[in-house]
């Protein structure tokens, strides 16, 4: 199975990639340091041909987007 893994450079991403590869899966690694996760065209290219996506990517803690993402999560969570 070909699996796309975002957040691949994180501690979690590295551990997941190693575990998936040990189970004979092919893993396509994506991380914000090497890819802009907000680039829609790049992400369409990244998912082409994959069987599954494991999304562990998130904005870096020290960016304004991280605060916005947390705020959006909280709004969504508390309005359900």
PDB file of N, CA and C in Angstrom:
ATOM      1  N   UNK A   1       0.851  -1.174   0.000  1.00  0.00           N
ATOM      2  CA  UNK A   1       0.000   0.000   0.000  1.00  0.00           C
ATOM      3  C   UNK A   1       0.896   1.236   0.000  1.00  0.00           C
ATOM      4  N   UNK A   2       0.548   2.228  -0.805  1.00  0.00           N
ATOM      5  CA  UNK A   2       1.272   3.501  -0.832  1.00  0.00           C
ATOM      6  C   UNK A   2       0.540   4.488   0.069  1.00  0.00           C
ATOM      7  N   UNK A   3       1.252   4.993   1.078  1.00  0.00           N
ATOM      8  CA  UNK A   3       0.656   5.880   2.076  1.00  0.00           C
ATOM      9  C   UNK A   3       1.370   7.222   2.065  1.00  0.00           C
ATOM     10  N   UNK A   4       0.598   8.305   1.987  1.00  0.00           N
ATOM     11  CA  UNK A   4       1.140   9.656   2.103  1.00  0.00           C
ATOM     12  C   UNK A   4       1.123  10.042   3.571  1.00  0.00           C
ATOM     13  N   UNK A   5       2.272  10.471   4.080  1.00  0.00           N
ATOM     14  CA  UNK A   5       2.392  10.867   5.484  1.00  0.00           C
ATOM     15  C   UNK A   5       2.827  12.323   5.553  1.00  0.00           C
ATOM     16  N   UNK A   6       1.953  13.192   6.079  1.00  0.00           N
ATOM     17  CA  UNK A   6       2.334  14.586   6.289  1.00  0.00           C
ATOM     18  C   UNK A   6       2.924  14.733   7.683  1.00  0.00           C
ATOM     19  N   UNK A   7       3.712  15.789   7.873  1.00  0.00           N
ATOM     20  CA  UNK A   7       4.380  15.979   9.159  1.00  0.00           C
ATOM     21  C   UNK A   7       5.497  14.971   9.349  1.00  0.00           C
ATOM     22  N   UNK A   8       6.090  14.556   8.246  1.00  0.00           N
ATOM     23  CA  UNK A   8       7.046  13.452   8.262  1.00  0.00           C
ATOM     24  C   UNK A   8       8.324  13.736   9.041  1.00  0.00           C
ATOM     25  N   UNK A   9       8.702  15.000   9.201  1.00  0.00           N
ATOM     26  CA  UNK A   9       9.950  15.318   9.905  1.00  0.00           C
ATOM     27  C   UNK A   9       9.767  15.403  11.417  1.00  0.00           C
ATOM     28  N   UNK A  10       8.530  15.337  11.882  1.00  0.00           N
ATOM     29  CA  UNK A  10       8.286  15.406  13.328  1.00  0.00           C
ATOM     30  C   UNK A  10       8.661  14.076  13.977  1.00  0.00           C
ATOM     31  N   UNK A  11       8.735  14.089  15.297  1.00  0.00           N
ATOM     32  CA  UNK A  11       9.038  12.852  16.019  1.00  0.00           C
ATOM     33  C   UNK A  11       7.974  11.787  15.728  1.00  0.00           C
ATOM     34  N   UNK A  12       6.713  12.201  15.751  1.00  0.00           N
ATOM     35  CA  UNK A  12       5.619  11.286  15.444  1.00  0.00           C
ATOM     36  C   UNK A  12       5.721  10.781  14.007  1.00  0.00           C
ATOM     37  N   UNK A  13       5.966  11.707  13.070  1.00  0.00           N
ATOM     38  CA  UNK A  13       6.065  11.331  11.664  1.00  0.00           C
ATOM     39  C   UNK A  13       7.175  10.332  11.404  1.00  0.00           C
ATOM     40  N   UNK A  14       8.329  10.550  12.015  1.00  0.00           N
ATOM     41  CA  UNK A  14       9.457   9.621  11.850  1.00  0.00           C
ATOM     42  C   UNK A  14       9.108   8.239  12.383  1.00  0.00           C
ATOM     43  N   UNK A  15       8.475   8.201  13.548  1.00  0.00           N
ATOM     44  CA  UNK A  15       8.099   6.915  14.144  1.00  0.00           C
ATOM     45  C   UNK A  15       7.057   6.195  13.284  1.00  0.00           C
ATOM     46  N   UNK A  16       6.071   6.951  12.790  1.00  0.00           N
ATOM     47  CA  UNK A  16       5.047   6.346  11.937  1.00  0.00           C
ATOM     48  C   UNK A  16       5.645   5.823  10.641  1.00  0.00           C
ATOM     49  N   UNK A  17       6.522   6.609  10.026  1.00  0.00           N
ATOM     50  CA  UNK A  17       7.149   6.184   8.777  1.00  0.00           C
ATOM     51  C   UNK A  17       7.923   4.887   8.980  1.00  0.00           C
ATOM     52  N   UNK A  18       8.693   4.813  10.058  1.00  0.00           N
ATOM     53  CA  UNK A  18       9.471   3.603  10.338  1.00  0.00           C
ATOM     54  C   UNK A  18       8.551   2.399  10.547  1.00  0.00           C
ATOM     55  N   UNK A  19       7.472   2.597  11.289  1.00  0.00           N
ATOM     56  CA  UNK A  19       6.534   1.496  11.547  1.00  0.00           C
ATOM     57  C   UNK A  19       5.847   1.045  10.264  1.00  0.00           C
ATOM     58  N   UNK A  20       5.404   1.997   9.451  1.00  0.00           N
ATOM     59  CA  UNK A  20       4.735   1.647   8.198  1.00  0.00           C
ATOM     60  C   UNK A  20       5.677   0.907   7.259  1.00  0.00           C
ATOM     61  N   UNK A  21       6.920   1.381   7.166  1.00  0.00           N
ATOM     62  CA  UNK A  21       7.897   0.719   6.303  1.00  0.00           C
ATOM     63  C   UNK A  21       8.224  -0.678   6.825  1.00  0.00           C
ATOM     64  N   UNK A  22       8.242  -0.860   8.147  1.00  0.00           N
ATOM     65  CA  UNK A  22       8.514  -2.190   8.706  1.00  0.00           C
ATOM     66  C   UNK A  22       7.393  -3.173   8.373  1.00  0.00           C
ATOM     67  N   UNK A  23       6.217  -2.637   8.047  1.00  0.00           N
ATOM     68  CA  UNK A  23       5.081  -3.472   7.649  1.00  0.00           C
ATOM     69  C   UNK A  23       4.967  -3.571   6.124  1.00  0.00           C
ATOM     70  N   UNK A  24       6.070  -3.218   5.443  1.00  0.00           N
ATOM     71  CA  UNK A  24       6.196  -3.327   3.980  1.00  0.00           C
ATOM     72  C   UNK A  24       5.289  -2.389   3.194  1.00  0.00           C
ATOM     73  N   UNK A  25       4.914  -1.259   3.792  1.00  0.00           N
ATOM     74  CA  UNK A  25       4.182  -0.238   3.053  1.00  0.00           C
ATOM     75  C   UNK A  25       5.183   0.702   2.396  1.00  0.00           C
ATOM     76  N   UNK A  26       4.799   1.258   1.259  1.00  0.00           N
ATOM     77  CA  UNK A  26       5.566   2.344   0.661  1.00  0.00           C
ATOM     78  C   UNK A  26       5.039   3.629   1.288  1.00  0.00           C
ATOM     79  N   UNK A  27       5.949   4.524   1.669  1.00  0.00           N
ATOM     80  CA  UNK A  27       5.536   5.749   2.342  1.00  0.00           C
ATOM     81  C   UNK A  27       6.057   6.950   1.567  1.00  0.00           C
ATOM     82  N   UNK A  28       5.147   7.837   1.186  1.00  0.00           N
ATOM     83  CA  UNK A  28       5.508   9.105   0.546  1.00  0.00           C
ATOM     84  C   UNK A  28       5.492  10.158   1.645  1.00  0.00           C
ATOM     85  N   UNK A  29       6.648  10.748   1.911  1.00  0.00           N
ATOM     86  CA  UNK A  29       6.806  11.673   3.033  1.00  0.00           C
ATOM     87  C   UNK A  29       6.654  13.121   2.585  1.00  0.00           C
ATOM     88  N   UNK A  30       5.881  13.894   3.342  1.00  0.00           N
ATOM     89  CA  UNK A  30       5.695  15.321   3.090  1.00  0.00           C
ATOM     90  C   UNK A  30       5.839  16.046   4.418  1.00  0.00           C
ATOM     91  N   UNK A  31       6.550  17.167   4.394  1.00  0.00           N
ATOM     92  CA  UNK A  31       6.690  17.978   5.603  1.00  0.00           C
ATOM     93  C   UNK A  31       6.744  19.441   5.207  1.00  0.00           C
ATOM     94  N   UNK A  32       6.313  20.305   6.102  1.00  0.00           N
ATOM     95  CA  UNK A  32       6.293  21.744   5.841  1.00  0.00           C
ATOM     96  C   UNK A  32       7.655  22.329   5.543  1.00  0.00           C
ATOM     97  N   UNK A  33       8.721  21.684   6.021  1.00  0.00           N
ATOM     98  CA  UNK A  33      10.065  22.170   5.726  1.00  0.00           C
ATOM     99  C   UNK A  33      10.421  21.975   4.263  1.00  0.00           C
ATOM    100  N   UNK A  34       9.790  21.006   3.606  1.00  0.00           N
ATOM    101  CA  UNK A  34      10.114  20.722   2.210  1.00  0.00           C
ATOM    102  C   UNK A  34       8.941  20.938   1.265  1.00  0.00           C
ATOM    103  N   UNK A  35       7.746  21.163   1.805  1.00  0.00           N
ATOM    104  CA  UNK A  35       6.564  21.371   0.969  1.00  0.00           C
ATOM    105  C   UNK A  35       5.610  22.328   1.663  1.00  0.00           C
ATOM    106  N   UNK A  36       4.984  23.173   0.871  1.00  0.00           N
ATOM    107  CA  UNK A  36       3.975  24.095   1.398  1.00  0.00           C
ATOM    108  C   UNK A  36       2.638  23.371   1.417  1.00  0.00           C
ATOM    109  N   UNK A  37       2.181  22.991   2.603  1.00  0.00           N
ATOM    110  CA  UNK A  37       0.945  22.228   2.716  1.00  0.00           C
ATOM    111  C   UNK A  37      -0.286  23.024   2.311  1.00  0.00           C
ATOM    112  N   UNK A  38      -0.134  24.344   2.096  1.00  0.00           N
ATOM    113  CA  UNK A  38      -1.255  25.160   1.631  1.00  0.00           C
ATOM    114  C   UNK A  38      -1.258  25.301   0.109  1.00  0.00           C
ATOM    115  N   UNK A  39      -0.260  24.742  -0.579  1.00  0.00           N
ATOM    116  CA  UNK A  39      -0.179  24.786  -2.036  1.00  0.00           C
ATOM    117  C   UNK A  39      -1.053  23.663  -2.600  1.00  0.00           C
ATOM    118  N   UNK A  40      -2.248  24.021  -3.036  1.00  0.00           N
ATOM    119  CA  UNK A  40      -3.238  23.031  -3.459  1.00  0.00           C
ATOM    120  C   UNK A  40      -2.717  22.161  -4.597  1.00  0.00           C
ATOM    121  N   UNK A  41      -2.108  22.761  -5.597  1.00  0.00           N
ATOM    122  CA  UNK A  41      -1.599  21.986  -6.733  1.00  0.00           C
ATOM    123  C   UNK A  41      -0.525  21.001  -6.296  1.00  0.00           C
ATOM    124  N   UNK A  42       0.376  21.442  -5.427  1.00  0.00           N
ATOM    125  CA  UNK A  42       1.432  20.550  -4.931  1.00  0.00           C
ATOM    126  C   UNK A  42       0.832  19.392  -4.145  1.00  0.00           C
ATOM    127  N   UNK A  43      -0.195  19.676  -3.371  1.00  0.00           N
ATOM    128  CA  UNK A  43      -0.810  18.607  -2.588  1.00  0.00           C
ATOM    129  C   UNK A  43      -1.559  17.619  -3.477  1.00  0.00           C
ATOM    130  N   UNK A  44      -2.192  18.115  -4.565  1.00  0.00           N
ATOM    131  CA  UNK A  44      -2.841  17.190  -5.504  1.00  0.00           C
ATOM    132  C   UNK A  44      -1.802  16.274  -6.132  1.00  0.00           C
ATOM    133  N   UNK A  45      -0.638  16.833  -6.478  1.00  0.00           N
ATOM    134  CA  UNK A  45       0.436  15.997  -7.028  1.00  0.00           C
ATOM    135  C   UNK A  45       0.901  14.982  -5.990  1.00  0.00           C
ATOM    136  N   UNK A  46       0.974  15.396  -4.731  1.00  0.00           N
ATOM    137  CA  UNK A  46       1.455  14.509  -3.668  1.00  0.00           C
ATOM    138  C   UNK A  46       0.504  13.336  -3.433  1.00  0.00           C
ATOM    139  N   UNK A  47      -0.808  13.564  -3.546  1.00  0.00           N
ATOM    140  CA  UNK A  47      -1.765  12.490  -3.257  1.00  0.00           C
ATOM    141  C   UNK A  47      -2.058  11.597  -4.459  1.00  0.00           C
ATOM    142  N   UNK A  48      -1.602  12.006  -5.626  1.00  0.00           N
ATOM    143  CA  UNK A  48      -1.870  11.212  -6.824  1.00  0.00           C
ATOM    144  C   UNK A  48      -1.291   9.800  -6.659  1.00  0.00           C
ATOM    145  N   UNK A  49      -2.144   8.815  -6.798  1.00  0.00           N
ATOM    146  CA  UNK A  49      -1.704   7.429  -6.762  1.00  0.00           C
ATOM    147  C   UNK A  49      -1.607   6.798  -5.381  1.00  0.00           C
ATOM    148  N   UNK A  50      -1.866   7.561  -4.324  1.00  0.00           N
ATOM    149  CA  UNK A  50      -1.753   6.980  -2.982  1.00  0.00           C
ATOM    150  C   UNK A  50      -3.035   6.230  -2.613  1.00  0.00           C
ATOM    151  N   UNK A  51      -2.872   5.262  -1.734  1.00  0.00           N
ATOM    152  CA  UNK A  51      -4.004   4.477  -1.260  1.00  0.00           C
ATOM    153  C   UNK A  51      -4.591   5.034   0.031  1.00  0.00           C
ATOM    154  N   UNK A  52      -3.768   5.755   0.793  1.00  0.00           N
ATOM    155  CA  UNK A  52      -4.220   6.292   2.083  1.00  0.00           C
ATOM    156  C   UNK A  52      -3.380   7.509   2.442  1.00  0.00           C
ATOM    157  N   UNK A  53      -3.949   8.369   3.279  1.00  0.00           N
ATOM    158  CA  UNK A  53      -3.246   9.550   3.782  1.00  0.00           C
ATOM    159  C   UNK A  53      -3.301   9.522   5.305  1.00  0.00           C
ATOM    160  N   UNK A  54      -2.139   9.728   5.918  1.00  0.00           N
ATOM    161  CA  UNK A  54      -2.081   9.934   7.363  1.00  0.00           C
ATOM    162  C   UNK A  54      -1.587  11.359   7.549  1.00  0.00           C
ATOM    163  N   UNK A  55      -2.456  12.220   8.058  1.00  0.00           N
ATOM    164  CA  UNK A  55      -2.142  13.646   8.168  1.00  0.00           C
ATOM    165  C   UNK A  55      -1.766  13.986   9.606  1.00  0.00           C
ATOM    166  N   UNK A  56      -0.466  14.188   9.830  1.00  0.00           N
ATOM    167  CA  UNK A  56       0.006  14.622  11.145  1.00  0.00           C
ATOM    168  C   UNK A  56       0.635  16.003  11.063  1.00  0.00           C
ATOM    169  N   UNK A  57       0.603  16.604   9.869  1.00  0.00           N
ATOM    170  CA  UNK A  57       1.192  17.931   9.687  1.00  0.00           C
ATOM    171  C   UNK A  57       0.402  19.002  10.405  1.00  0.00           C
ATOM    172  N   UNK A  58       1.104  20.010  10.884  1.00  0.00           N
ATOM    173  CA  UNK A  58       0.469  21.149  11.541  1.00  0.00           C
ATOM    174  C   UNK A  58       1.372  22.362  11.388  1.00  0.00           C
ATOM    175  N   UNK A  59       0.820  23.568  11.523  1.00  0.00           N
ATOM    176  CA  UNK A  59       1.663  24.763  11.427  1.00  0.00           C
ATOM    177  C   UNK A  59       2.686  24.769  12.560  1.00  0.00           C
ATOM    178  N   UNK A  60       3.877  25.302  12.298  1.00  0.00           N
ATOM    179  CA  UNK A  60       4.851  25.439  13.386  1.00  0.00           C
ATOM    180  C   UNK A  60       4.254  26.263  14.524  1.00  0.00           C
ATOM    181  N   UNK A  61       4.626  25.956  15.736  1.00  0.00           N
ATOM    182  CA  UNK A  61       4.078  26.601  16.933  1.00  0.00           C
ATOM    183  C   UNK A  61       4.279  28.113  16.926  1.00  0.00           C
ATOM    184  N   UNK A  62       5.391  28.577  16.381  1.00  0.00           N
ATOM    185  CA  UNK A  62       5.741  29.992  16.471  1.00  0.00           C
ATOM    186  C   UNK A  62       5.220  30.832  15.307  1.00  0.00           C
ATOM    187  N   UNK A  63       4.221  30.358  14.572  1.00  0.00           N
ATOM    188  CA  UNK A  63       3.681  31.140  13.464  1.00  0.00           C
ATOM    189  C   UNK A  63       2.266  31.609  13.795  1.00  0.00           C
ATOM    190  N   UNK A  64       1.855  32.729  13.214  1.00  0.00           N
ATOM    191  CA  UNK A  64       0.481  33.194  13.437  1.00  0.00           C
ATOM    192  C   UNK A  64      -0.552  32.155  13.008  1.00  0.00           C
ATOM    193  N   UNK A  65      -0.247  31.384  11.970  1.00  0.00           N
ATOM    194  CA  UNK A  65      -1.198  30.379  11.488  1.00  0.00           C
ATOM    195  C   UNK A  65      -1.502  29.334  12.549  1.00  0.00           C
ATOM    196  N   UNK A  66      -0.534  29.032  13.404  1.00  0.00           N
ATOM    197  CA  UNK A  66      -0.763  28.043  14.458  1.00  0.00           C
ATOM    198  C   UNK A  66      -1.846  28.538  15.416  1.00  0.00           C
ATOM    199  N   UNK A  67      -1.797  29.799  15.764  1.00  0.00           N
ATOM    200  CA  UNK A  67      -2.821  30.372  16.633  1.00  0.00           C
ATOM    201  C   UNK A  67      -4.183  30.379  15.972  1.00  0.00           C
ATOM    202  N   UNK A  68      -4.206  30.701  14.678  1.00  0.00           N
ATOM    203  CA  UNK A  68      -5.464  30.703  13.941  1.00  0.00           C
ATOM    204  C   UNK A  68      -6.040  29.295  13.846  1.00  0.00           C
ATOM    205  N   UNK A  69      -5.177  28.312  13.625  1.00  0.00           N
ATOM    206  CA  UNK A  69      -5.643  26.929  13.530  1.00  0.00           C
ATOM    207  C   UNK A  69      -6.232  26.479  14.860  1.00  0.00           C
ATOM    208  N   UNK A  70      -5.580  26.831  15.954  1.00  0.00           N
ATOM    209  CA  UNK A  70      -6.095  26.452  17.274  1.00  0.00           C
ATOM    210  C   UNK A  70      -7.440  27.129  17.529  1.00  0.00           C
ATOM    211  N   UNK A  71      -7.529  28.411  17.169  1.00  0.00           N
ATOM    212  CA  UNK A  71      -8.785  29.137  17.364  1.00  0.00           C
ATOM    213  C   UNK A  71      -9.902  28.503  16.535  1.00  0.00           C
ATOM    214  N   UNK A  72      -9.604  28.156  15.283  1.00  0.00           N
ATOM    215  CA  UNK A  72     -10.611  27.528  14.425  1.00  0.00           C
ATOM    216  C   UNK A  72     -11.044  26.180  14.994  1.00  0.00           C
ATOM    217  N   UNK A  73     -10.084  25.415  15.505  1.00  0.00           N
ATOM    218  CA  UNK A  73     -10.415  24.129  16.121  1.00  0.00           C
ATOM    219  C   UNK A  73     -11.352  24.323  17.308  1.00  0.00           C
ATOM    220  N   UNK A  74     -11.011  25.279  18.173  1.00  0.00           N
ATOM    221  CA  UNK A  74     -11.825  25.505  19.369  1.00  0.00           C
ATOM    222  C   UNK A  74     -13.231  25.972  19.018  1.00  0.00           C
ATOM    223  N   UNK A  75     -13.334  26.863  18.029  1.00  0.00           N
ATOM    224  CA  UNK A  75     -14.656  27.326  17.595  1.00  0.00           C
ATOM    225  C   UNK A  75     -15.463  26.147  17.070  1.00  0.00           C
ATOM    226  N   UNK A  76     -14.840  25.328  16.222  1.00  0.00           N
ATOM    227  CA  UNK A  76     -15.524  24.163  15.675  1.00  0.00           C
ATOM    228  C   UNK A  76     -15.943  23.204  16.786  1.00  0.00           C
ATOM    229  N   UNK A  77     -15.042  22.939  17.701  1.00  0.00           N
ATOM    230  CA  UNK A  77     -15.307  21.991  18.792  1.00  0.00           C
ATOM    231  C   UNK A  77     -16.473  22.445  19.666  1.00  0.00           C
ATOM    232  N   UNK A  78     -16.458  23.712  20.047  1.00  0.00           N
ATOM    233  CA  UNK A  78     -17.475  24.195  20.979  1.00  0.00           C
ATOM    234  C   UNK A  78     -18.810  24.535  20.324  1.00  0.00           C
ATOM    235  N   UNK A  79     -18.875  24.524  19.001  1.00  0.00           N
ATOM    236  CA  UNK A  79     -20.149  24.806  18.337  1.00  0.00           C
ATOM    237  C   UNK A  79     -20.803  23.547  17.787  1.00  0.00           C
ATOM    238  N   UNK A  80     -20.250  22.408  18.055  1.00  0.00           N
ATOM    239  CA  UNK A  80     -20.863  21.141  17.594  1.00  0.00           C
ATOM    240  C   UNK A  80     -21.952  20.701  18.522  1.00  0.00           C
TER     241      UNK A  80
END
